[in-house]
Amino acid sequence: SDLTLAAVVAVTVFNPEPVGGASNPLSFLIEPIAPAITALNRTRLGVGGGNTTVTITGTGFDSATVARVNNSDRATTYVSPTQLRVTVLEADLAQKATLTITTVNQGAASNGLTIQVIDRVTSVLATSYARGSVAPGSILSAFAPRLATGVEINTVLPLPRILIGTRIEVEDSQGAKRDQEFFFVAPGQANFHLDERTAAGPAFVTVYIGQEVVASGDLQVERISPGLFTQNASGEGVPAGYALRFRDGALTTVPILNYNATTFRWLPIEIDMGPEGYLIILVLFGSGFRGAQGAVNAKLVKGTTQFPLQVGYANVAPGFIG
């Protein structure tokens, strides 16, 4: 316990009375042992990200150790003598930069390791383009300033994991890193199939062109994150699908949309319900609900009125991926 803090310590020797007494003091210096950083769990972060927790691995940490980003103290959580967590602030990620991470213990500073702040890749559901959680097996759209050297639409199966030199790697919450499968790449957008083995929780996305890392970002993965494709591929308007009219074992396909050549958009049309007694089955295409294993709730909304729908099937669409 005498060696827990840096200090100048005086040492004396004492002999018992009647002939004893205290000696003259001699002093020595207790110097802090500088911590050392051996690794960071993130070496790249995307521009424009929010507050991000980075795990620091090293030696010589204790509850008083403080982590710094570019010599500024940051909120630090002590985990063990070999691990800390530091909060990299949103302000640290405002622009492309190199962040130097160091730790300080009673004035003794560690070595520094760096994090590169590079272009941020934002990955969203390809159904709605809404930001939020995504599910394993979903089709995602990634957006960043530079994702590919050209435009390429994949036309073969199995889907490739590299398309005209572009590769997307996702590291899940369990630390598993997997290259993803591509549908399409372009300089500003790439559509990919999120590996079905991706564990739930926070995940990190890294985009490569050849060996160069060009963008980095994050994902929140949940078991279920449903979305429906729209016919205009905008995330809004009429859904991609059709209706089936069923009676006495006979099925008739019924359209639910029509193309407007003036506006160049697909528009919804009234569903022909047929004579009384026919069952109408609505067939829609989406992504992100395989994990529900068919247990999907749906409703029809008309104005302020909601009508519950009976879902007969919500799983893989034969012949389709995602």
Protein backbone atom coordinates (compact mmCIF):
# COMPACT_ATOMS: atom_id res chain seq x y z
CA SER A 1 0.00 0.00 0.00
CA ASP A 2 2.99 2.34 0.48
CA LEU A 3 3.70 2.09 -3.25
CA THR A 4 0.28 2.88 -4.67
CA LEU A 5 0.89 6.61 -5.19
CA ALA A 6 3.80 8.59 -6.54
CA ALA A 7 5.45 10.42 -3.65
CA VAL A 8 8.64 11.30 -1.79
CA VAL A 9 8.84 8.98 1.20
CA ALA A 10 11.01 9.57 4.31
CA VAL A 11 12.46 6.52 6.07
CA THR A 12 13.69 6.53 9.66
CA VAL A 13 14.93 3.84 12.03
CA PHE A 14 13.73 3.73 15.63
CA ASN A 15 15.27 1.90 18.60
CA PRO A 16 13.26 1.43 21.82
CA GLU A 17 13.91 3.57 24.92
CA PRO A 18 15.61 4.06 27.32
CA VAL A 19 18.73 4.31 25.18
CA GLY A 20 17.04 4.32 21.76
CA GLY A 21 15.41 6.95 19.66
CA ALA A 22 14.78 7.90 16.10
CA SER A 23 17.44 8.18 13.48
CA ASN A 24 17.81 10.95 10.98
CA PRO A 25 15.45 10.56 7.96
CA LEU A 26 16.49 9.60 4.46
CA SER A 27 14.13 10.14 1.55
CA PHE A 28 13.50 8.26 -1.66
CA LEU A 29 11.17 8.83 -4.60
CA ILE A 30 8.31 6.49 -5.52
CA GLU A 31 7.78 7.04 -9.24
CA PRO A 32 4.65 5.93 -11.08
CA ILE A 33 5.02 3.12 -13.58
CA ALA A 34 3.89 4.32 -16.98
CA PRO A 35 1.09 2.26 -18.52
CA ALA A 36 1.56 0.80 -21.99
CA ILE A 37 -0.93 0.37 -24.83
CA THR A 38 -0.62 -2.71 -27.03
CA ALA A 39 -3.85 -2.60 -29.08
CA LEU A 40 -7.09 -0.76 -29.87
CA ASN A 41 -10.19 -2.64 -30.97
CA ARG A 42 -10.87 0.10 -33.54
CA THR A 43 -8.18 1.55 -35.75
CA ARG A 44 -10.59 3.34 -38.14
CA LEU A 45 -13.76 5.32 -37.52
CA GLY A 46 -16.05 7.16 -39.92
CA VAL A 47 -16.45 10.89 -40.25
CA GLY A 48 -19.67 12.17 -38.71
CA GLY A 49 -20.14 9.31 -36.26
CA GLY A 50 -21.56 9.77 -32.78
CA ASN A 51 -19.83 9.10 -29.47
CA THR A 52 -18.01 5.77 -29.86
CA THR A 53 -16.55 3.44 -27.24
CA VAL A 54 -13.07 2.13 -28.02
CA THR A 55 -11.47 -0.69 -26.04
CA ILE A 56 -7.80 -0.20 -25.06
CA THR A 57 -5.64 -3.24 -24.32
CA GLY A 58 -2.32 -2.88 -22.53
CA THR A 59 -0.60 -3.09 -19.16
CA GLY A 60 -0.26 -1.02 -16.01
CA PHE A 61 -3.85 0.27 -15.85
CA ASP A 62 -5.67 0.97 -12.60
CA SER A 63 -8.80 2.82 -11.51
CA ALA A 64 -6.98 6.16 -11.69
CA THR A 65 -5.76 5.71 -15.27
CA VAL A 66 -7.20 8.25 -17.71
CA ALA A 67 -7.32 7.83 -21.47
CA ARG A 68 -6.68 10.75 -23.76
CA VAL A 69 -7.55 11.57 -27.36
CA ASN A 70 -5.02 13.94 -28.91
CA ASN A 71 -3.85 14.87 -25.38
CA SER A 72 -7.37 15.70 -24.14
CA ASP A 73 -8.85 13.65 -21.30
CA ARG A 74 -11.85 11.53 -22.23
CA ALA A 75 -14.37 9.56 -20.16
CA THR A 76 -12.57 6.35 -19.17
CA THR A 77 -13.92 3.10 -17.75
CA TYR A 78 -11.49 0.85 -15.90
CA VAL A 79 -12.10 -2.81 -16.75
CA SER A 80 -8.95 -4.56 -15.55
CA PRO A 81 -5.19 -3.98 -15.23
CA THR A 82 -4.97 -4.83 -18.95
CA GLN A 83 -8.10 -3.17 -20.35
CA LEU A 84 -9.81 0.22 -20.45
CA ARG A 85 -12.70 1.68 -22.42
CA VAL A 86 -12.57 5.26 -23.68
CA THR A 87 -15.31 7.39 -25.24
CA VAL A 88 -14.27 9.01 -28.51
CA LEU A 89 -16.54 12.03 -28.83
CA GLU A 90 -18.67 13.03 -31.80
CA ALA A 91 -16.54 16.19 -32.00
CA ASP A 92 -13.42 14.04 -32.46
CA LEU A 93 -15.05 12.54 -35.57
CA ALA A 94 -16.19 15.78 -37.20
CA GLN A 95 -13.63 15.59 -40.00
CA LYS A 96 -10.93 13.34 -41.45
CA ALA A 97 -8.07 13.18 -38.99
CA THR A 98 -5.60 11.02 -37.11
CA LEU A 99 -6.49 10.52 -33.45
CA THR A 100 -3.72 9.54 -31.04
CA ILE A 101 -4.87 7.51 -28.05
CA THR A 102 -2.71 7.60 -24.92
CA THR A 103 -3.21 6.80 -21.24
CA VAL A 104 -1.92 8.61 -18.16
CA ASN A 105 -1.44 7.22 -14.68
CA GLN A 106 -0.40 9.71 -11.97
CA GLY A 107 1.36 11.83 -14.53
CA ALA A 108 3.16 8.96 -16.25
CA ALA A 109 2.08 8.72 -19.88
CA SER A 110 1.92 5.64 -22.08
CA ASN A 111 2.89 5.24 -25.69
CA GLY A 112 0.29 6.27 -28.25
CA LEU A 113 -1.65 4.30 -30.86
CA THR A 114 -3.67 5.95 -33.62
CA ILE A 115 -7.19 5.81 -35.06
CA GLN A 116 -7.74 7.05 -38.60
CA VAL A 117 -10.96 9.04 -39.11
CA ILE A 118 -11.95 8.33 -42.72
CA ASP A 119 -15.03 8.62 -44.92
CA ARG A 120 -18.09 7.23 -43.19
CA VAL A 121 -20.16 4.49 -44.83
CA THR A 122 -23.85 4.48 -43.90
CA SER A 123 -25.61 1.13 -44.37
CA VAL A 124 -29.42 1.05 -44.40
CA LEU A 125 -32.22 -1.32 -45.33
CA ALA A 126 -32.51 -1.45 -49.12
CA THR A 127 -36.29 -1.68 -48.72
CA SER A 128 -36.95 1.71 -47.13
CA TYR A 129 -33.53 3.39 -46.97
CA ALA A 130 -34.38 4.15 -43.35
CA ARG A 131 -31.56 4.31 -40.84
CA GLY A 132 -31.91 1.99 -37.87
CA SER A 133 -31.34 -1.62 -36.98
CA VAL A 134 -30.86 -4.33 -39.62
CA ALA A 135 -31.33 -8.09 -39.52
CA PRO A 136 -29.02 -10.91 -40.64
CA GLY A 137 -29.84 -12.02 -44.17
CA SER A 138 -31.18 -8.58 -45.15
CA ILE A 139 -30.38 -6.66 -48.30
CA LEU A 140 -28.57 -3.45 -47.37
CA SER A 141 -27.59 -0.33 -49.28
CA ALA A 142 -24.30 1.32 -48.35
CA PHE A 143 -23.60 4.98 -49.10
CA ALA A 144 -20.25 6.82 -49.00
CA PRO A 145 -18.30 9.26 -51.22
CA ARG A 146 -16.07 6.55 -52.72
CA LEU A 147 -17.16 2.92 -52.71
CA ALA A 148 -16.05 1.69 -56.13
CA THR A 149 -14.06 2.64 -59.19
CA GLY A 150 -17.06 2.21 -61.52
CA VAL A 151 -20.55 0.73 -61.85
CA GLU A 152 -21.13 -3.01 -61.90
CA ILE A 153 -24.38 -4.99 -61.58
CA ASN A 154 -23.87 -8.60 -60.61
CA THR A 155 -25.65 -11.16 -62.80
CA VAL A 156 -24.32 -14.46 -61.46
CA LEU A 157 -24.90 -16.83 -58.55
CA PRO A 158 -23.51 -17.35 -56.03
CA LEU A 159 -23.16 -13.66 -55.30
CA PRO A 160 -19.54 -12.45 -55.40
CA ARG A 161 -17.75 -11.11 -52.33
CA ILE A 162 -15.58 -8.81 -54.46
CA LEU A 163 -17.03 -6.72 -57.30
CA ILE A 164 -14.66 -4.67 -59.55
CA GLY A 165 -12.20 -4.58 -56.64
CA THR A 166 -14.63 -3.49 -53.91
CA ARG A 167 -14.96 -5.57 -50.77
CA ILE A 168 -17.14 -4.95 -47.70
CA GLU A 169 -16.17 -6.55 -44.39
CA VAL A 170 -18.53 -6.68 -41.40
CA GLU A 171 -17.20 -7.45 -37.92
CA ASP A 172 -20.05 -8.52 -35.63
CA SER A 173 -20.46 -8.23 -31.86
CA GLN A 174 -18.70 -11.57 -31.36
CA GLY A 175 -15.61 -10.40 -33.26
CA ALA A 176 -16.31 -12.51 -36.36
CA LYS A 177 -15.21 -10.79 -39.58
CA ARG A 178 -16.91 -11.78 -42.85
CA ASP A 179 -16.83 -10.41 -46.39
CA GLN A 180 -20.32 -9.67 -47.69
CA GLU A 181 -21.99 -10.67 -50.96
CA PHE A 182 -22.70 -8.03 -53.62
CA PHE A 183 -25.67 -7.26 -55.85
CA PHE A 184 -24.34 -3.97 -57.18
CA VAL A 185 -21.57 -1.39 -56.72
CA ALA A 186 -21.13 2.20 -57.88
CA PRO A 187 -18.92 5.07 -56.70
CA GLY A 188 -21.55 6.32 -54.24
CA GLN A 189 -23.62 3.22 -53.46
CA ALA A 190 -23.27 -0.52 -52.98
CA ASN A 191 -26.03 -3.06 -52.36
CA PHE A 192 -25.03 -6.16 -50.41
CA HIS A 193 -26.45 -9.18 -48.62
CA LEU A 194 -25.71 -9.14 -44.88
CA ASP A 195 -24.38 -12.57 -43.93
CA GLU A 196 -27.02 -14.63 -42.11
CA ARG A 197 -24.44 -15.66 -39.49
CA THR A 198 -23.96 -12.07 -38.29
CA ALA A 199 -24.48 -11.94 -34.52
CA ALA A 200 -26.95 -9.50 -32.97
CA GLY A 201 -25.48 -6.36 -31.42
CA PRO A 202 -23.18 -3.57 -32.62
CA ALA A 203 -21.19 -4.31 -35.77
CA PHE A 204 -18.54 -2.45 -37.75
CA VAL A 205 -18.38 -2.04 -41.53
CA THR A 206 -15.13 -1.55 -43.46
CA VAL A 207 -15.01 -0.91 -47.20
CA TYR A 208 -11.95 -1.76 -49.27
CA ILE A 209 -11.02 -0.94 -52.85
CA GLY A 210 -8.22 -3.36 -53.50
CA GLN A 211 -6.04 -3.15 -50.38
CA GLU A 212 -7.04 0.44 -49.56
CA VAL A 213 -9.54 1.14 -46.78
CA VAL A 214 -11.86 3.82 -48.16
CA ALA A 215 -14.72 3.99 -45.65
CA SER A 216 -15.79 2.82 -42.22
CA GLY A 217 -19.07 2.79 -40.32
CA ASP A 218 -21.27 0.89 -37.91
CA LEU A 219 -24.45 -1.17 -37.78
CA GLN A 220 -26.89 -2.23 -35.10
CA VAL A 221 -27.93 -5.80 -35.84
CA GLU A 222 -31.19 -7.24 -34.48
CA ARG A 223 -32.76 -10.64 -35.06
CA ILE A 224 -35.71 -9.02 -36.86
CA SER A 225 -35.87 -5.70 -38.73
CA PRO A 226 -38.64 -5.91 -41.34
CA GLY A 227 -39.07 -3.77 -44.41
CA LEU A 228 -41.06 -3.93 -47.66
CA PHE A 229 -39.69 -3.19 -51.11
CA THR A 230 -41.48 -0.51 -53.11
CA GLN A 231 -42.02 -0.74 -56.85
CA ASN A 232 -40.39 2.65 -57.43
CA ALA A 233 -37.30 1.55 -55.44
CA SER A 234 -37.56 4.70 -53.32
CA GLY A 235 -38.77 3.29 -50.02
CA GLU A 236 -42.11 5.07 -50.53
CA GLY A 237 -45.29 4.57 -52.48
CA VAL A 238 -46.83 1.37 -53.77
CA PRO A 239 -45.22 -1.85 -52.50
CA ALA A 240 -43.66 -4.36 -54.88
CA GLY A 241 -46.10 -7.23 -55.14
CA TYR A 242 -49.41 -8.49 -56.47
CA ALA A 243 -52.64 -10.04 -55.26
CA LEU A 244 -54.10 -13.52 -55.71
CA ARG A 245 -57.83 -14.18 -55.89
CA PHE A 246 -58.71 -17.65 -54.61
CA ARG A 247 -61.87 -19.75 -54.71
CA ASP A 248 -62.67 -23.42 -55.19
CA GLY A 249 -58.99 -24.32 -55.66
CA ALA A 250 -58.45 -21.77 -58.45
CA LEU A 251 -55.97 -18.87 -58.21
CA THR A 252 -56.12 -15.72 -60.33
CA THR A 253 -53.34 -13.11 -60.31
CA VAL A 254 -54.62 -9.57 -59.74
CA PRO A 255 -52.45 -6.44 -60.20
CA ILE A 256 -52.14 -3.89 -57.40
CA LEU A 257 -50.19 -1.24 -59.34
CA ASN A 258 -49.92 0.41 -62.74
CA TYR A 259 -47.14 2.32 -64.48
CA ASN A 260 -47.80 6.00 -65.24
CA ALA A 261 -45.83 6.94 -68.36
CA THR A 262 -46.33 10.65 -67.68
CA THR A 263 -44.86 10.70 -64.17
CA PHE A 264 -42.58 7.70 -64.82
CA ARG A 265 -43.79 6.15 -61.59
CA TRP A 266 -45.71 3.10 -60.48
CA LEU A 267 -49.00 4.00 -58.82
CA PRO A 268 -51.41 1.88 -56.77
CA ILE A 269 -54.69 0.77 -58.30
CA GLU A 270 -57.83 -0.59 -56.69
CA ILE A 271 -57.70 -4.34 -56.19
CA ASP A 272 -60.42 -6.20 -58.09
CA MET A 273 -61.97 -8.25 -55.28
CA GLY A 274 -64.10 -10.29 -57.67
CA PRO A 275 -67.53 -11.73 -56.81
CA GLU A 276 -68.48 -12.22 -53.17
CA GLY A 277 -66.89 -15.24 -51.54
CA TYR A 278 -63.43 -14.94 -53.06
CA LEU A 279 -60.38 -14.91 -50.79
CA ILE A 280 -57.85 -12.16 -51.58
CA ILE A 281 -54.21 -12.95 -50.84
CA LEU A 282 -51.75 -10.05 -50.94
CA VAL A 283 -48.20 -11.06 -51.91
CA LEU A 284 -45.52 -8.53 -50.97
CA PHE A 285 -41.71 -8.68 -51.08
CA GLY A 286 -39.47 -7.53 -48.27
CA SER A 287 -36.41 -8.25 -46.23
CA GLY A 288 -35.36 -8.54 -42.61
CA PHE A 289 -38.07 -10.80 -41.20
CA ARG A 290 -36.71 -14.30 -41.74
CA GLY A 291 -35.70 -14.39 -38.10
CA ALA A 292 -39.37 -14.19 -37.11
CA GLN A 293 -39.80 -17.73 -38.48
CA GLY A 294 -43.21 -16.86 -39.87
CA ALA A 295 -44.53 -15.16 -36.73
CA VAL A 296 -45.14 -11.75 -38.34
CA ASN A 297 -47.96 -9.36 -37.48
CA ALA A 298 -49.33 -7.06 -40.18
CA LYS A 299 -52.12 -4.52 -40.48
CA LEU A 300 -53.85 -2.50 -43.17
CA VAL A 301 -54.19 1.21 -42.45
CA LYS A 302 -56.91 3.29 -44.13
CA GLY A 303 -56.97 6.83 -42.85
CA THR A 304 -57.14 6.51 -39.07
CA THR A 305 -58.62 3.00 -39.18
CA GLN A 306 -56.46 -0.10 -38.80
CA PHE A 307 -57.42 -3.58 -39.96
CA PRO A 308 -55.41 -6.59 -38.73
CA LEU A 309 -54.24 -8.93 -41.48
CA GLN A 310 -53.72 -12.66 -41.21
CA VAL A 311 -50.20 -13.48 -42.36
CA GLY A 312 -50.07 -16.89 -43.99
CA TYR A 313 -46.38 -16.91 -44.92
CA ALA A 314 -43.39 -14.71 -44.07
CA ASN A 315 -40.13 -16.34 -45.01
CA VAL A 316 -37.87 -17.04 -47.98
CA ALA A 317 -39.16 -16.08 -51.42
CA PRO A 318 -38.18 -18.96 -53.69
CA GLY A 319 -35.57 -17.88 -56.20
CA PHE A 320 -34.63 -14.71 -54.33
CA ILE A 321 -31.79 -13.81 -51.95
CA GLY A 322 -32.35 -11.62 -48.91
